[in-house]
C-alpha atoms as a PDB file:
ATOM      1  CA  MET A   1       7.827 -74.911 -11.603  1.00  0.00           C
ATOM      2  CA  ILE A   2       5.305 -77.215 -13.272  1.00  0.00           C
ATOM      3  CA  ILE A   3       6.442 -80.100 -15.464  1.00  0.00           C
ATOM      4  CA  GLN A   4       3.943 -81.830 -17.733  1.00  0.00           C
ATOM      5  CA  VAL A   5       4.987 -85.383 -18.609  1.00  0.00           C
ATOM      6  CA  PRO A   6       3.265 -87.637 -21.154  1.00  0.00           C
ATOM      7  CA  ALA A   7       2.419 -91.231 -20.304  1.00  0.00           C
ATOM      8  CA  SER A   8       3.745 -94.013 -22.506  1.00  0.00           C
ATOM      9  CA  THR A   9       3.138 -97.495 -23.756  1.00  0.00           C
ATOM     10  CA  SER A  10       6.151 -99.785 -23.777  1.00  0.00           C
ATOM     11  CA  ASN A  11       7.379-103.030 -25.336  1.00  0.00           C
ATOM     12  CA  LEU A  12       4.969-102.768 -28.312  1.00  0.00           C
ATOM     13  CA  GLY A  13       5.089-106.517 -28.720  1.00  0.00           C
ATOM     14  CA  SER A  14       8.590-107.952 -28.792  1.00  0.00           C
ATOM     15  CA  GLY A  15      10.524-104.769 -27.989  1.00  0.00           C
ATOM     16  CA  PHE A  16      10.796-105.748 -24.333  1.00  0.00           C
ATOM     17  CA  ASP A  17      12.394-103.028 -22.146  1.00  0.00           C
ATOM     18  CA  THR A  18      13.440-101.266 -25.376  1.00  0.00           C
ATOM     19  CA  LEU A  19      10.568 -99.773 -27.399  1.00  0.00           C
ATOM     20  CA  GLY A  20       8.224 -97.055 -26.189  1.00  0.00           C
ATOM     21  CA  LEU A  21       5.706 -94.539 -27.479  1.00  0.00           C
ATOM     22  CA  ALA A  22       4.453 -91.371 -25.758  1.00  0.00           C
ATOM     23  CA  VAL A  23       0.686 -90.819 -25.615  1.00  0.00           C
ATOM     24  CA  ASN A  24      -1.559 -87.869 -24.804  1.00  0.00           C
ATOM     25  CA  LEU A  25      -2.234 -88.709 -21.180  1.00  0.00           C
ATOM     26  CA  TYR A  26      -0.346 -86.524 -18.736  1.00  0.00           C
ATOM     27  CA  THR A  27       0.976 -86.163 -15.213  1.00  0.00           C
ATOM     28  CA  ARG A  28       1.619 -82.614 -13.995  1.00  0.00           C
ATOM     29  CA  VAL A  29       4.236 -82.310 -11.262  1.00  0.00           C
ATOM     30  CA  GLY A  30       4.386 -78.939  -9.524  1.00  0.00           C
ATOM     31  CA  VAL A  31       7.456 -78.236  -7.399  1.00  0.00           C
ATOM     32  CA  GLU A  32       8.005 -75.204  -5.172  1.00  0.00           C
ATOM     33  CA  VAL A  33      11.125 -74.450  -3.140  1.00  0.00           C
ATOM     34  CA  ILE A  34      10.478 -74.216   0.621  1.00  0.00           C
ATOM     35  CA  LYS A  35      12.668 -73.085   3.513  1.00  0.00           C
ATOM     36  CA  GLU A  36      12.789 -76.451   5.264  1.00  0.00           C
ATOM     37  CA  LEU A  37      15.049 -79.163   3.934  1.00  0.00           C
ATOM     38  CA  GLY A  38      13.367 -82.301   2.719  1.00  0.00           C
ATOM     39  CA  LEU A  39      10.324 -83.170   0.720  1.00  0.00           C
ATOM     40  CA  ARG A  40       6.700 -82.334   1.452  1.00  0.00           C
ATOM     41  CA  LEU A  41       3.646 -83.538  -0.441  1.00  0.00           C
ATOM     42  CA  GLY A  42       1.113 -80.794  -0.938  1.00  0.00           C
ATOM     43  CA  ALA A  43      -1.842 -83.027  -1.725  1.00  0.00           C
ATOM     44  CA  ASP A  44      -4.250 -85.128   0.305  1.00  0.00           C
ATOM     45  CA  ILE A  45      -3.716 -88.735  -0.757  1.00  0.00           C
ATOM     46  CA  PRO A  46      -4.351 -92.043   1.070  1.00  0.00           C
ATOM     47  CA  ASP A  47      -1.687 -93.112   3.580  1.00  0.00           C
ATOM     48  CA  GLU A  48      -0.625 -96.222   1.630  1.00  0.00           C
ATOM     49  CA  THR A  49      -0.304 -94.279  -1.619  1.00  0.00           C
ATOM     50  CA  GLN A  50       1.420 -91.436   0.194  1.00  0.00           C
ATOM     51  CA  ARG A  51       4.158 -93.735   1.495  1.00  0.00           C
ATOM     52  CA  LYS A  52       4.812 -95.212  -1.942  1.00  0.00           C
ATOM     53  CA  VAL A  53       4.856 -91.851  -3.685  1.00  0.00           C
ATOM     54  CA  THR A  54       6.997 -90.254  -0.967  1.00  0.00           C
ATOM     55  CA  ASN A  55       9.573 -93.044  -1.277  1.00  0.00           C
ATOM     56  CA  LEU A  56       9.561 -92.695  -5.062  1.00  0.00           C
ATOM     57  CA  PHE A  57      10.089 -88.928  -4.889  1.00  0.00           C
ATOM     58  CA  GLU A  58      12.736 -89.168  -2.168  1.00  0.00           C
ATOM     59  CA  GLU A  59      14.777 -91.652  -4.210  1.00  0.00           C
ATOM     60  CA  ALA A  60      14.558 -89.378  -7.254  1.00  0.00           C
ATOM     61  CA  ALA A  61      15.512 -86.243  -5.288  1.00  0.00           C
ATOM     62  CA  ASN A  62      18.441 -87.930  -3.535  1.00  0.00           C
ATOM     63  CA  LEU A  63      19.788 -89.246  -6.835  1.00  0.00           C
ATOM     64  CA  PHE A  64      19.402 -85.852  -8.493  1.00  0.00           C
ATOM     65  CA  PHE A  65      21.247 -83.842  -5.823  1.00  0.00           C
ATOM     66  CA  GLN A  66      23.981 -86.470  -5.549  1.00  0.00           C
ATOM     67  CA  SER A  67      24.487 -86.634  -9.324  1.00  0.00           C
ATOM     68  CA  ALA A  68      24.310 -82.862  -9.826  1.00  0.00           C
ATOM     69  CA  GLN A  69      26.749 -82.329  -6.959  1.00  0.00           C
ATOM     70  CA  THR A  70      24.647 -79.427  -5.814  1.00  0.00           C
ATOM     71  CA  LYS A  71      23.381 -78.474  -2.376  1.00  0.00           C
ATOM     72  CA  ALA A  72      19.999 -80.003  -1.614  1.00  0.00           C
ATOM     73  CA  PHE A  73      17.020 -77.740  -1.005  1.00  0.00           C
ATOM     74  CA  GLY A  74      13.552 -78.441   0.330  1.00  0.00           C
ATOM     75  CA  VAL A  75      10.554 -78.705  -1.971  1.00  0.00           C
ATOM     76  CA  GLU A  76       6.801 -79.032  -1.806  1.00  0.00           C
ATOM     77  CA  ILE A  77       5.397 -81.286  -4.526  1.00  0.00           C
ATOM     78  CA  ARG A  78       1.911 -81.354  -5.966  1.00  0.00           C
ATOM     79  CA  PHE A  79       0.881 -83.691  -8.746  1.00  0.00           C
ATOM     80  CA  SER A  80      -2.220 -84.402 -10.784  1.00  0.00           C
ATOM     81  CA  GLY A  81      -3.182 -85.908 -14.105  1.00  0.00           C
ATOM     82  CA  ASN A  82      -5.178 -88.514 -15.967  1.00  0.00           C
ATOM     83  CA  VAL A  83      -2.692 -91.392 -16.334  1.00  0.00           C
ATOM     84  CA  PRO A  84      -4.248 -94.687 -15.119  1.00  0.00           C
ATOM     85  CA  ILE A  85      -2.241 -96.248 -12.281  1.00  0.00           C
ATOM     86  CA  ALA A  86      -0.840 -99.802 -12.531  1.00  0.00           C
ATOM     87  CA  ARG A  87      -2.206-100.287 -16.039  1.00  0.00           C
ATOM     88  CA  GLY A  88       1.054-100.406 -18.018  1.00  0.00           C
ATOM     89  CA  LEU A  89       1.088 -96.765 -19.122  1.00  0.00           C
ATOM     90  CA  GLY A  90       4.226 -95.626 -17.309  1.00  0.00           C
ATOM     91  CA  TYR A  91       2.657 -93.776 -14.384  1.00  0.00           C
ATOM     92  CA  SER A  92       5.671 -94.160 -12.069  1.00  0.00           C
ATOM     93  CA  ALA A  93       7.992 -92.954 -14.839  1.00  0.00           C
ATOM     94  CA  THR A  94       5.931 -89.774 -15.252  1.00  0.00           C
ATOM     95  CA  LEU A  95       6.317 -88.992 -11.544  1.00  0.00           C
ATOM     96  CA  ARG A  96      10.061 -89.642 -11.500  1.00  0.00           C
ATOM     97  CA  VAL A  97      10.707 -87.749 -14.738  1.00  0.00           C
ATOM     98  CA  GLY A  98       8.525 -84.852 -13.555  1.00  0.00           C
ATOM     99  CA  LEU A  99      10.442 -84.383 -10.311  1.00  0.00           C
ATOM    100  CA  LEU A 100      13.865 -84.844 -11.926  1.00  0.00           C
ATOM    101  CA  ALA A 101      13.035 -82.254 -14.599  1.00  0.00           C
ATOM    102  CA  ALA A 102      11.648 -79.785 -12.040  1.00  0.00           C
ATOM    103  CA  LEU A 103      14.703 -80.048  -9.779  1.00  0.00           C
ATOM    104  CA  ASN A 104      16.887 -79.639 -12.856  1.00  0.00           C
ATOM    105  CA  GLU A 105      15.137 -76.401 -13.805  1.00  0.00           C
ATOM    106  CA  LEU A 106      15.178 -75.035 -10.257  1.00  0.00           C
ATOM    107  CA  SER A 107      18.888 -75.751  -9.801  1.00  0.00           C
ATOM    108  CA  GLY A 108      20.041 -74.147 -13.051  1.00  0.00           C
ATOM    109  CA  ARG A 109      19.741 -76.968 -15.611  1.00  0.00           C
ATOM    110  CA  ALA A 110      22.692 -79.112 -14.656  1.00  0.00           C
ATOM    111  CA  PHE A 111      21.533 -81.847 -17.039  1.00  0.00           C
ATOM    112  CA  ASP A 112      20.240 -82.076 -20.586  1.00  0.00           C
ATOM    113  CA  ARG A 113      17.420 -84.464 -21.500  1.00  0.00           C
ATOM    114  CA  ALA A 114      19.757 -87.335 -22.296  1.00  0.00           C
ATOM    115  CA  GLN A 115      21.318 -87.030 -18.855  1.00  0.00           C
ATOM    116  CA  LEU A 116      17.895 -86.864 -17.216  1.00  0.00           C
ATOM    117  CA  LEU A 117      17.129 -90.143 -18.975  1.00  0.00           C
ATOM    118  CA  ASP A 118      20.247 -91.696 -17.449  1.00  0.00           C
ATOM    119  CA  LEU A 119      18.980 -90.692 -14.006  1.00  0.00           C
ATOM    120  CA  ALA A 120      15.483 -91.991 -14.704  1.00  0.00           C
ATOM    121  CA  PHE A 121      16.955 -95.284 -15.915  1.00  0.00           C
ATOM    122  CA  GLN A 122      18.801 -95.710 -12.629  1.00  0.00           C
ATOM    123  CA  LEU A 123      15.500 -95.310 -10.789  1.00  0.00           C
ATOM    124  CA  GLU A 124      13.278 -97.311 -13.132  1.00  0.00           C
ATOM    125  CA  GLY A 125      15.691-100.096 -14.063  1.00  0.00           C
ATOM    126  CA  HIS A 126      14.681 -99.896 -17.740  1.00  0.00           C
ATOM    127  CA  PRO A 127      14.405 -96.952 -20.168  1.00  0.00           C
ATOM    128  CA  ASP A 128      11.342 -97.876 -22.247  1.00  0.00           C
ATOM    129  CA  ASN A 129       8.863 -95.631 -20.375  1.00  0.00           C
ATOM    130  CA  ALA A 130      11.131 -92.762 -19.339  1.00  0.00           C
ATOM    131  CA  SER A 131      12.495 -92.298 -22.881  1.00  0.00           C
ATOM    132  CA  PRO A 132       9.167 -91.386 -24.559  1.00  0.00           C
ATOM    133  CA  SER A 133       8.100 -89.401 -21.499  1.00  0.00           C
ATOM    134  CA  ILE A 134      11.213 -87.239 -21.890  1.00  0.00           C
ATOM    135  CA  PHE A 135      11.642 -87.071 -25.668  1.00  0.00           C
ATOM    136  CA  GLY A 136       8.161 -87.868 -27.020  1.00  0.00           C
ATOM    137  CA  GLY A 137       7.296 -89.901 -30.092  1.00  0.00           C
ATOM    138  CA  PHE A 138       8.445 -93.469 -30.704  1.00  0.00           C
ATOM    139  CA  THR A 139      11.675 -94.338 -28.910  1.00  0.00           C
ATOM    140  CA  VAL A 140      14.249 -97.113 -29.077  1.00  0.00           C
ATOM    141  CA  SER A 141      16.468 -97.184 -25.989  1.00  0.00           C
ATOM    142  CA  GLY A 142      19.175 -99.304 -24.429  1.00  0.00           C
ATOM    143  CA  LEU A 143      22.229 -99.169 -22.229  1.00  0.00           C
ATOM    144  CA  VAL A 144      25.443 -98.724 -24.246  1.00  0.00           C
ATOM    145  CA  ASN A 145      28.790 -98.316 -22.460  1.00  0.00           C
ATOM    146  CA  GLY A 146      27.066 -97.325 -19.256  1.00  0.00           C
ATOM    147  CA  ARG A 147      24.828 -94.639 -20.808  1.00  0.00           C
ATOM    148  CA  VAL A 148      21.292 -94.874 -22.121  1.00  0.00           C
ATOM    149  CA  ARG A 149      21.215 -94.394 -25.867  1.00  0.00           C
ATOM    150  CA  CYS A 150      17.824 -93.228 -27.100  1.00  0.00           C
ATOM    151  CA  ILE A 151      16.809 -92.792 -30.731  1.00  0.00           C
ATOM    152  CA  HIS A 152      13.408 -91.212 -31.236  1.00  0.00           C
ATOM    153  CA  PHE A 153      11.091 -90.620 -34.177  1.00  0.00           C
ATOM    154  CA  ARG A 154       8.008 -88.513 -34.699  1.00  0.00           C
ATOM    155  CA  VAL A 155       4.828 -90.539 -35.113  1.00  0.00           C
ATOM    156  CA  PRO A 156       2.138 -89.533 -37.633  1.00  0.00           C
ATOM    157  CA  GLU A 157      -0.689 -87.868 -35.742  1.00  0.00           C
ATOM    158  CA  GLU A 158      -3.333 -89.788 -37.680  1.00  0.00           C
ATOM    159  CA  LEU A 159      -2.327 -92.898 -35.725  1.00  0.00           C
ATOM    160  CA  LYS A 160      -4.818 -93.701 -32.984  1.00  0.00           C
ATOM    161  CA  LEU A 161      -4.008 -95.918 -30.019  1.00  0.00           C
ATOM    162  CA  VAL A 162      -7.267 -97.609 -29.101  1.00  0.00           C
ATOM    163  CA  THR A 163      -6.624 -98.428 -25.455  1.00  0.00           C
ATOM    164  CA  LEU A 164      -8.710-100.822 -23.404  1.00  0.00           C
ATOM    165  CA  VAL A 165      -8.140-100.164 -19.700  1.00  0.00           C
ATOM    166  CA  PRO A 166      -9.500-103.035 -17.560  1.00  0.00           C
ATOM    167  CA  ASP A 167     -10.954-102.335 -14.151  1.00  0.00           C
ATOM    168  CA  PHE A 168      -8.152-104.320 -12.478  1.00  0.00           C
ATOM    169  CA  PRO A 169      -4.477-103.354 -11.987  1.00  0.00           C
ATOM    170  CA  ILE A 170      -1.396-105.494 -12.530  1.00  0.00           C
ATOM    171  CA  SER A 171       1.813-105.380 -10.521  1.00  0.00           C
ATOM    172  CA  THR A 172       4.888-104.936 -12.718  1.00  0.00           C
ATOM    173  CA  GLU A 173       6.888-107.069 -10.310  1.00  0.00           C
ATOM    174  CA  ALA A 174       4.351-109.905 -10.470  1.00  0.00           C
ATOM    175  CA  ALA A 175       4.268-109.729 -14.265  1.00  0.00           C
ATOM    176  CA  ARG A 176       8.069-109.891 -14.515  1.00  0.00           C
ATOM    177  CA  LYS A 177       8.217-112.959 -12.296  1.00  0.00           C
ATOM    178  CA  LEU A 178       6.147-114.909 -14.826  1.00  0.00           C
ATOM    179  CA  MET A 179       8.763-114.512 -17.555  1.00  0.00           C
ATOM    180  CA  PRO A 180      11.300-117.317 -18.169  1.00  0.00           C
ATOM    181  CA  ASP A 181      15.017-117.023 -17.477  1.00  0.00           C
ATOM    182  CA  SER A 182      15.936-118.294 -20.950  1.00  0.00           C
ATOM    183  CA  TYR A 183      14.459-118.684 -24.433  1.00  0.00           C
ATOM    184  CA  SER A 184      14.908-121.131 -27.267  1.00  0.00           C
ATOM    185  CA  LYS A 185      16.855-120.074 -30.347  1.00  0.00           C
ATOM    186  CA  GLY A 186      13.612-119.924 -32.313  1.00  0.00           C
ATOM    187  CA  GLU A 187      11.913-117.638 -29.800  1.00  0.00           C
ATOM    188  CA  ALA A 188      14.961-115.352 -29.606  1.00  0.00           C
ATOM    189  CA  VAL A 189      15.217-115.052 -33.403  1.00  0.00           C
ATOM    190  CA  HIS A 190      11.493-114.382 -33.698  1.00  0.00           C
ATOM    191  CA  GLY A 191      11.690-111.655 -31.041  1.00  0.00           C
ATOM    192  CA  LEU A 192      14.678-109.976 -32.689  1.00  0.00           C
ATOM    193  CA  ASN A 193      12.941-110.068 -36.053  1.00  0.00           C
ATOM    194  CA  ARG A 194       9.700-108.551 -34.780  1.00  0.00           C
ATOM    195  CA  ALA A 195      11.416-105.812 -32.765  1.00  0.00           C
ATOM    196  CA  ALA A 196      13.479-104.876 -35.836  1.00  0.00           C
ATOM    197  CA  LEU A 197      10.436-104.840 -38.133  1.00  0.00           C
ATOM    198  CA  ILE A 198       8.418-102.693 -35.717  1.00  0.00           C
ATOM    199  CA  THR A 199      11.296-100.226 -35.342  1.00  0.00           C
ATOM    200  CA  ALA A 200      11.826-100.018 -39.115  1.00  0.00           C
ATOM    201  CA  ALA A 201       8.117 -99.436 -39.720  1.00  0.00           C
ATOM    202  CA  PHE A 202       7.968 -96.515 -37.272  1.00  0.00           C
ATOM    203  CA  ALA A 203      11.244 -95.097 -38.608  1.00  0.00           C
ATOM    204  CA  SER A 204       9.935 -95.227 -42.182  1.00  0.00           C
ATOM    205  CA  GLY A 205       6.621 -93.624 -41.283  1.00  0.00           C
ATOM    206  CA  ASP A 206       4.759 -96.332 -43.213  1.00  0.00           C
ATOM    207  CA  LEU A 207       2.642 -97.687 -40.388  1.00  0.00           C
ATOM    208  CA  GLU A 208       0.874-100.217 -42.610  1.00  0.00           C
ATOM    209  CA  LEU A 209       4.133-102.191 -42.374  1.00  0.00           C
ATOM    210  CA  LEU A 210       3.254-102.913 -38.738  1.00  0.00           C
ATOM    211  CA  ARG A 211       0.548-105.389 -39.740  1.00  0.00           C
ATOM    212  CA  GLY A 212       1.401-108.884 -38.538  1.00  0.00           C
ATOM    213  CA  ALA A 213       4.449-107.762 -36.546  1.00  0.00           C
ATOM    214  CA  PHE A 214       3.004-107.874 -33.013  1.00  0.00           C
ATOM    215  CA  ASP A 215       2.845-111.667 -32.563  1.00  0.00           C
ATOM    216  CA  ASP A 216       5.153-111.611 -29.565  1.00  0.00           C
ATOM    217  CA  ARG A 217       6.815-114.643 -27.951  1.00  0.00           C
ATOM    218  CA  ILE A 218       9.001-112.782 -25.429  1.00  0.00           C
ATOM    219  CA  HIS A 219       6.616-111.648 -22.684  1.00  0.00           C
ATOM    220  CA  GLN A 220       2.953-111.670 -23.692  1.00  0.00           C
ATOM    221  CA  PRO A 221       2.374-115.467 -23.662  1.00  0.00           C
ATOM    222  CA  TYR A 222       3.792-115.685 -20.150  1.00  0.00           C
ATOM    223  CA  ARG A 223       1.746-112.769 -18.828  1.00  0.00           C
ATOM    224  CA  GLU A 224      -1.517-113.914 -20.345  1.00  0.00           C
ATOM    225  CA  PRO A 225      -2.596-115.699 -17.114  1.00  0.00           C
ATOM    226  CA  LEU A 226      -2.868-112.228 -15.550  1.00  0.00           C
ATOM    227  CA  ILE A 227      -5.059-111.063 -18.465  1.00  0.00           C
ATOM    228  CA  PRO A 228      -6.848-114.215 -19.697  1.00  0.00           C
ATOM    229  CA  CYS A 229      -8.709-112.368 -22.474  1.00  0.00           C
ATOM    230  CA  LEU A 230      -5.578-110.695 -23.897  1.00  0.00           C
ATOM    231  CA  ASN A 231      -5.480-112.487 -27.243  1.00  0.00           C
ATOM    232  CA  GLU A 232      -9.249-112.339 -27.684  1.00  0.00           C
ATOM    233  CA  VAL A 233      -9.256-108.557 -27.190  1.00  0.00           C
ATOM    234  CA  ILE A 234      -6.441-108.120 -29.719  1.00  0.00           C
ATOM    235  CA  GLN A 235      -8.114-110.420 -32.249  1.00  0.00           C
ATOM    236  CA  ALA A 236     -11.391-108.527 -31.881  1.00  0.00           C
ATOM    237  CA  GLY A 237      -9.597-105.245 -32.545  1.00  0.00           C
ATOM    238  CA  GLU A 238      -7.780-106.620 -35.580  1.00  0.00           C
ATOM    239  CA  SER A 239     -10.992-108.126 -36.985  1.00  0.00           C
ATOM    240  CA  ALA A 240     -12.568-104.662 -36.668  1.00  0.00           C
ATOM    241  CA  GLY A 241      -9.739-103.105 -38.705  1.00  0.00           C
ATOM    242  CA  ALA A 242      -6.819-102.457 -36.347  1.00  0.00           C
ATOM    243  CA  ILE A 243      -3.254-102.647 -37.695  1.00  0.00           C
ATOM    244  CA  GLY A 244      -2.326-104.818 -34.732  1.00  0.00           C
ATOM    245  CA  GLY A 245      -2.455-104.979 -30.975  1.00  0.00           C
ATOM    246  CA  PHE A 246      -0.321-105.672 -27.925  1.00  0.00           C
ATOM    247  CA  LEU A 247      -0.215-105.639 -24.148  1.00  0.00           C
ATOM    248  CA  SER A 248       0.804-102.180 -22.938  1.00  0.00           C
ATOM    249  CA  GLY A 249       3.888-102.608 -20.763  1.00  0.00           C
ATOM    250  CA  SER A 250       3.125-105.306 -18.223  1.00  0.00           C
ATOM    251  CA  GLY A 251      -0.588-104.526 -18.412  1.00  0.00           C
ATOM    252  CA  SER A 252      -3.371-104.527 -17.741  1.00  0.00           C
ATOM    253  CA  ALA A 253      -4.106-102.080 -20.592  1.00  0.00           C
ATOM    254  CA  ILE A 254      -4.316-103.528 -24.107  1.00  0.00           C
ATOM    255  CA  ILE A 255      -3.689-101.325 -27.154  1.00  0.00           C
ATOM    256  CA  CYS A 256      -4.721-101.714 -30.782  1.00  0.00           C
ATOM    257  CA  LEU A 257      -3.269 -99.323 -33.367  1.00  0.00           C
ATOM    258  CA  ALA A 258      -5.625 -97.797 -35.904  1.00  0.00           C
ATOM    259  CA  LEU A 259      -5.460 -95.514 -38.928  1.00  0.00           C
ATOM    260  CA  GLY A 260      -9.247 -95.308 -39.080  1.00  0.00           C
ATOM    261  CA  GLY A 261     -12.351 -96.700 -37.439  1.00  0.00           C
ATOM    262  CA  ALA A 262     -11.069 -96.199 -33.903  1.00  0.00           C
ATOM    263  CA  ASP A 263     -14.525 -96.129 -32.329  1.00  0.00           C
ATOM    264  CA  ARG A 264     -15.528 -99.334 -34.104  1.00  0.00           C
ATOM    265  CA  ILE A 265     -12.302-101.033 -33.002  1.00  0.00           C
ATOM    266  CA  GLY A 266     -12.759 -99.896 -29.417  1.00  0.00           C
ATOM    267  CA  ALA A 267     -16.328-101.200 -29.299  1.00  0.00           C
ATOM    268  CA  ALA A 268     -15.186-104.593 -30.600  1.00  0.00           C
ATOM    269  CA  MET A 269     -12.449-104.802 -27.982  1.00  0.00           C
ATOM    270  CA  GLN A 270     -14.782-103.825 -25.169  1.00  0.00           C
ATOM    271  CA  ARG A 271     -17.331-106.441 -26.127  1.00  0.00           C
ATOM    272  CA  VAL A 272     -14.735-109.043 -25.152  1.00  0.00           C
ATOM    273  CA  LEU A 273     -14.022-107.366 -21.807  1.00  0.00           C
ATOM    274  CA  PRO A 274     -16.988-105.176 -20.770  1.00  0.00           C
ATOM    275  CA  GLN A 275     -15.437-104.395 -17.361  1.00  0.00           C
ATOM    276  CA  SER A 276     -13.153-101.796 -18.911  1.00  0.00           C
ATOM    277  CA  GLN A 277     -12.803 -98.290 -20.277  1.00  0.00           C
ATOM    278  CA  ILE A 278     -11.868 -97.396 -23.852  1.00  0.00           C
ATOM    279  CA  LEU A 279      -9.522 -94.448 -24.442  1.00  0.00           C
ATOM    280  CA  ILE A 280      -8.786 -93.231 -27.977  1.00  0.00           C
ATOM    281  CA  LEU A 281      -5.257 -91.861 -27.600  1.00  0.00           C
ATOM    282  CA  THR A 282      -2.891 -90.095 -29.987  1.00  0.00           C
ATOM    283  CA  PRO A 283       0.914 -89.894 -30.012  1.00  0.00           C
ATOM    284  CA  ASP A 284       2.669 -87.128 -28.098  1.00  0.00           C
ATOM    285  CA  ASN A 285       5.678 -86.011 -30.129  1.00  0.00           C
ATOM    286  CA  ASN A 286       6.937 -83.342 -27.715  1.00  0.00           C
ATOM    287  CA  GLY A 287       7.821 -85.136 -24.501  1.00  0.00           C
ATOM    288  CA  LEU A 288       8.052 -83.278 -21.209  1.00  0.00           C
ATOM    289  CA  SER A 289       7.305 -79.578 -21.095  1.00  0.00           C
ATOM    290  CA  VAL A 290       8.271 -76.922 -18.561  1.00  0.00           C
ATOM    291  CA  GLU A 291       5.822 -74.317 -17.285  1.00  0.00           C
ATOM    292  CA  PRO A 292       7.315 -71.674 -14.978  1.00  0.00           C
ATOM    293  CA  ILE A 293       4.889 -70.337 -12.404  1.00  0.00           C
END
């Protein structure tokens, strides 16, 4: 079984741990049942990466078999794709979602997509990347009465996500440690307002309403020391015609949204940070897909 999982950008400004959007970068996770119990990686990867990925897959497999109350079976896993690692585009979520979905197919579909999201949330600790990877489009997700509630909307395909990918990674854990434990009333109200406006704009389909709504005070100001040129890159993109821009997840990728002039916007962003790559991405409205071998 091969599962193709789209990458995602999360937060989108003030929608911390809540808002996400699937993009057309993909991880392909191939899973084949083997006679031996346990998990085997069928790809040559560096030892350090192999340990991290093996632990990630083992946690996902153990949770799946325990939750499905089904007998465990051994699998060989191969994975490939073009999702940048440690750049805030949900790479770990694509791996977890890919394996969970593959095991689900191979064991007779014990779970629907909403239940797979619950499992992914338990592994990730937040639903903002797993939700768009599973359902596609723009997603709003949160824990309600012990279950993840996800509302998703199709995104107009003319939207371009002009993505600057710096040549340095950022640790999600390090980025989270920079955030404060509490916020002032003014900051909280501003964050609620912006998250609501962004959600309403995507729900309405009128993406011009996003202009001016990405001036976040929840996480971006505190993470800027990790990406000192963050605001300059966003301002360059907006001056070149972007609707607005934001830090993708915890970074280091920076995204500006565009309804035209994507190449011009990307060039302006890259002039601020030449040590980077520009990707012109589009929304993925389908989410994960299953390809039987």
